[in-house]
Protein backbone atom coordinates (compact mmCIF):
# COMPACT_ATOMS: atom_id res chain seq x y z
CA MET A 1 -0.31 0.24 -0.32
CA ARG A 2 1.44 3.42 -1.06
CA THR A 3 1.74 6.69 1.47
CA ALA A 4 -0.23 9.73 0.49
CA LYS A 5 3.45 10.84 -0.27
CA GLN A 6 4.11 8.44 -2.75
CA TRP A 7 1.13 8.98 -4.32
CA PHE A 8 1.51 12.55 -4.16
CA GLU A 9 5.02 12.63 -5.73
CA GLU A 10 4.20 10.48 -8.49
CA TYR A 11 1.01 12.28 -9.14
CA ALA A 12 2.93 15.36 -9.55
CA VAL A 13 5.20 13.78 -12.23
CA SER A 14 3.09 14.89 -14.95
CA HIS A 15 1.68 18.19 -13.24
CA GLN A 16 4.79 19.79 -13.35
CA ASN A 17 3.90 22.87 -15.98
CA GLU A 18 2.19 25.66 -14.31
CA THR A 19 -0.96 26.39 -16.80
CA ASN A 20 -1.85 22.56 -16.51
CA GLN A 21 -1.65 22.80 -12.67
CA LEU A 22 -3.61 25.95 -12.45
CA ILE A 23 -6.01 23.96 -15.12
CA HIS A 24 -6.27 21.47 -12.54
CA TYR A 25 -6.76 23.48 -9.47
CA ILE A 26 -9.83 24.54 -10.71
CA CYS A 27 -10.81 21.15 -12.83
CA VAL A 28 -10.38 18.55 -10.60
CA PRO A 29 -12.43 19.84 -7.84
CA ALA A 30 -14.98 21.00 -10.68
CA ILE A 31 -14.94 17.29 -12.06
CA PHE A 32 -15.34 15.58 -8.33
CA PHE A 33 -18.02 18.19 -7.36
CA SER A 34 -20.06 17.51 -10.68
CA VAL A 35 -19.57 13.31 -10.03
CA ILE A 36 -21.60 14.41 -6.37
CA GLY A 37 -24.04 15.87 -8.61
CA LEU A 38 -24.28 13.15 -10.61
CA PHE A 39 -24.73 10.39 -7.51
CA MET A 40 -27.14 12.82 -6.07
CA SER A 41 -29.23 12.78 -9.13
CA ILE A 42 -29.83 9.08 -8.91
CA PRO A 43 -32.84 8.62 -6.88
CA PRO A 44 -32.64 7.68 -3.59
CA THR A 45 -35.55 5.20 -3.27
CA LEU A 46 -33.84 2.41 -1.75
CA ILE A 47 -31.67 4.95 0.79
CA LYS A 48 -35.59 6.69 1.55
CA ASN A 49 -37.25 2.90 2.27
CA THR A 50 -34.01 1.63 4.29
CA PHE A 51 -33.71 4.96 6.68
CA LYS A 52 -37.64 6.29 6.36
CA LEU A 53 -36.58 9.74 7.18
CA TYR A 54 -35.36 11.72 3.89
CA ASN A 55 -32.77 14.39 4.60
CA PRO A 56 -31.75 15.32 1.21
CA LEU A 57 -28.26 16.33 2.59
CA ILE A 58 -27.34 12.92 3.88
CA GLU A 59 -29.69 10.45 2.13
CA ASN A 60 -28.45 10.41 -1.24
CA TRP A 61 -26.30 8.49 -3.16
CA ALA A 62 -23.29 10.79 -3.08
CA PHE A 63 -23.51 10.71 0.38
CA VAL A 64 -23.28 7.06 0.78
CA ILE A 65 -20.73 6.84 -1.77
CA GLY A 66 -18.62 9.67 -0.52
CA VAL A 67 -18.67 8.41 3.23
CA PHE A 68 -17.82 4.73 1.69
CA LEU A 69 -14.77 6.45 -0.29
CA SER A 70 -13.81 8.64 2.67
CA VAL A 71 -13.66 5.36 5.07
CA PHE A 72 -11.93 2.99 2.76
CA PHE A 73 -9.55 5.11 0.76
CA TYR A 74 -8.68 8.32 2.31
CA LEU A 75 -8.81 7.24 5.79
CA ARG A 76 -5.93 4.58 5.42
CA LEU A 77 -3.74 7.76 3.61
CA GLY A 78 -4.20 9.40 6.91
CA PHE A 79 -6.75 11.12 9.58
CA TRP A 80 -5.83 14.89 8.32
CA TYR A 81 -6.72 13.78 4.69
CA PHE A 82 -9.87 11.88 5.67
CA ILE A 83 -11.07 14.82 7.48
CA LYS A 84 -10.11 17.10 4.67
CA MET A 85 -11.74 14.71 1.90
CA ILE A 86 -15.35 14.58 4.20
CA ILE A 87 -15.55 18.54 4.77
CA PHE A 88 -15.03 18.74 0.87
CA ILE A 89 -17.43 16.02 -0.23
CA LEU A 90 -19.83 17.57 2.57
CA LEU A 91 -19.71 20.76 1.03
CA ALA A 92 -19.80 19.54 -2.39
CA ILE A 93 -23.42 17.61 -1.17
CA ALA A 94 -24.62 21.00 -0.04
CA GLY A 95 -23.63 23.14 -3.21
CA ASN A 96 -25.24 20.46 -5.36
CA ASN A 97 -28.38 20.34 -3.06
CA TRP A 98 -28.44 24.06 -3.52
CA ILE A 99 -28.03 23.83 -7.19
CA ASN A 100 -30.83 20.57 -7.42
CA ASN A 101 -33.25 23.37 -5.55
CA HIS A 102 -33.00 26.31 -7.92
CA SER A 103 -32.05 24.51 -11.35
CA ASN A 104 -32.02 20.89 -12.98
CA LEU A 105 -28.56 19.48 -11.22
CA LEU A 106 -28.30 16.16 -13.71
CA ILE A 107 -27.99 19.12 -16.49
CA VAL A 108 -25.89 21.22 -14.68
CA SER A 109 -23.59 18.34 -13.39
CA ILE A 110 -23.09 16.82 -17.21
CA ALA A 111 -22.16 20.45 -18.20
CA ILE A 112 -19.63 20.59 -15.52
CA PHE A 113 -18.42 17.42 -15.76
CA VAL A 114 -17.78 18.05 -19.56
CA ILE A 115 -16.30 21.12 -19.32
CA ALA A 116 -13.83 20.53 -16.81
CA TRP A 117 -12.70 17.36 -18.69
CA ILE A 118 -12.04 19.39 -21.59
CA GLY A 119 -10.11 21.43 -19.61
CA GLN A 120 -8.20 18.49 -17.84
CA PHE A 121 -7.10 16.98 -21.04
CA TYR A 122 -6.21 20.45 -22.49
CA GLY A 123 -3.66 21.10 -19.68
CA HIS A 124 -2.09 17.39 -19.82
CA LYS A 125 -1.84 18.62 -23.92
CA VAL A 126 -0.06 21.49 -22.60
CA GLU A 127 1.97 19.36 -20.12
CA GLY A 128 2.76 17.11 -22.77
CA LYS A 129 2.36 13.88 -20.26
CA LYS A 130 -0.89 11.74 -20.32
CA PRO A 131 -2.88 11.79 -17.26
CA SER A 132 -2.34 9.90 -14.05
CA PHE A 133 -5.17 8.26 -14.08
CA ILE A 134 -4.50 6.21 -16.98
CA LYS A 135 -1.94 4.38 -15.22
CA ASP A 136 -4.05 3.51 -12.16
CA LEU A 137 -7.70 4.75 -11.82
CA GLN A 138 -7.14 5.51 -8.01
CA PHE A 139 -5.54 8.58 -9.41
CA LEU A 140 -8.99 9.91 -9.74
CA LEU A 141 -9.05 9.66 -5.90
CA ILE A 142 -5.67 11.08 -5.43
CA GLY A 143 -6.16 14.15 -7.99
CA PRO A 144 -8.67 16.15 -5.47
CA LEU A 145 -6.60 15.52 -2.42
CA TRP A 146 -3.63 16.42 -4.10
CA VAL A 147 -5.17 19.80 -5.36
CA ILE A 148 -6.43 20.61 -1.37
CA GLU A 149 -2.65 19.70 -0.49
CA LYS A 150 -1.50 22.24 -2.83
CA LEU A 151 -3.75 25.15 -2.56
CA SER A 152 -3.20 25.13 1.25
CA SER A 153 0.36 24.78 1.17
CA LYS A 154 1.04 28.06 -0.94
CA LYS A 155 0.97 30.93 1.15
């Protein structure tokens, strides 16, 4: 099992170009946010029937999958990484809930997802290196944490 430092070092290899990094600071959180929105767009029938009390902020597929990923992926990287990602996931759920109350969440999520991925691939074209997730899909989970770590270390 790789440590967080090993994941970040390997991820950084294909993210050296300043333009690509800037694009990633915007597009990685946008993709993560849109995926949360896509999960929230799945009808929560099973969740509603299981819990019998419907609260859209916690009884949705994004919350279930987000907590599952956090517990089984981010927690093994470290407690503070886990806390940072839980906060990010909860903020994304709250933001997507707001969008859902004011617009069509599915359409907005698809639009953000497509536009952000176009940005990502453009950034990698500028970088001249393939995205890390082509080598290992777990880098799709490392990307948001890498961005949080890079932005929180900038002074």
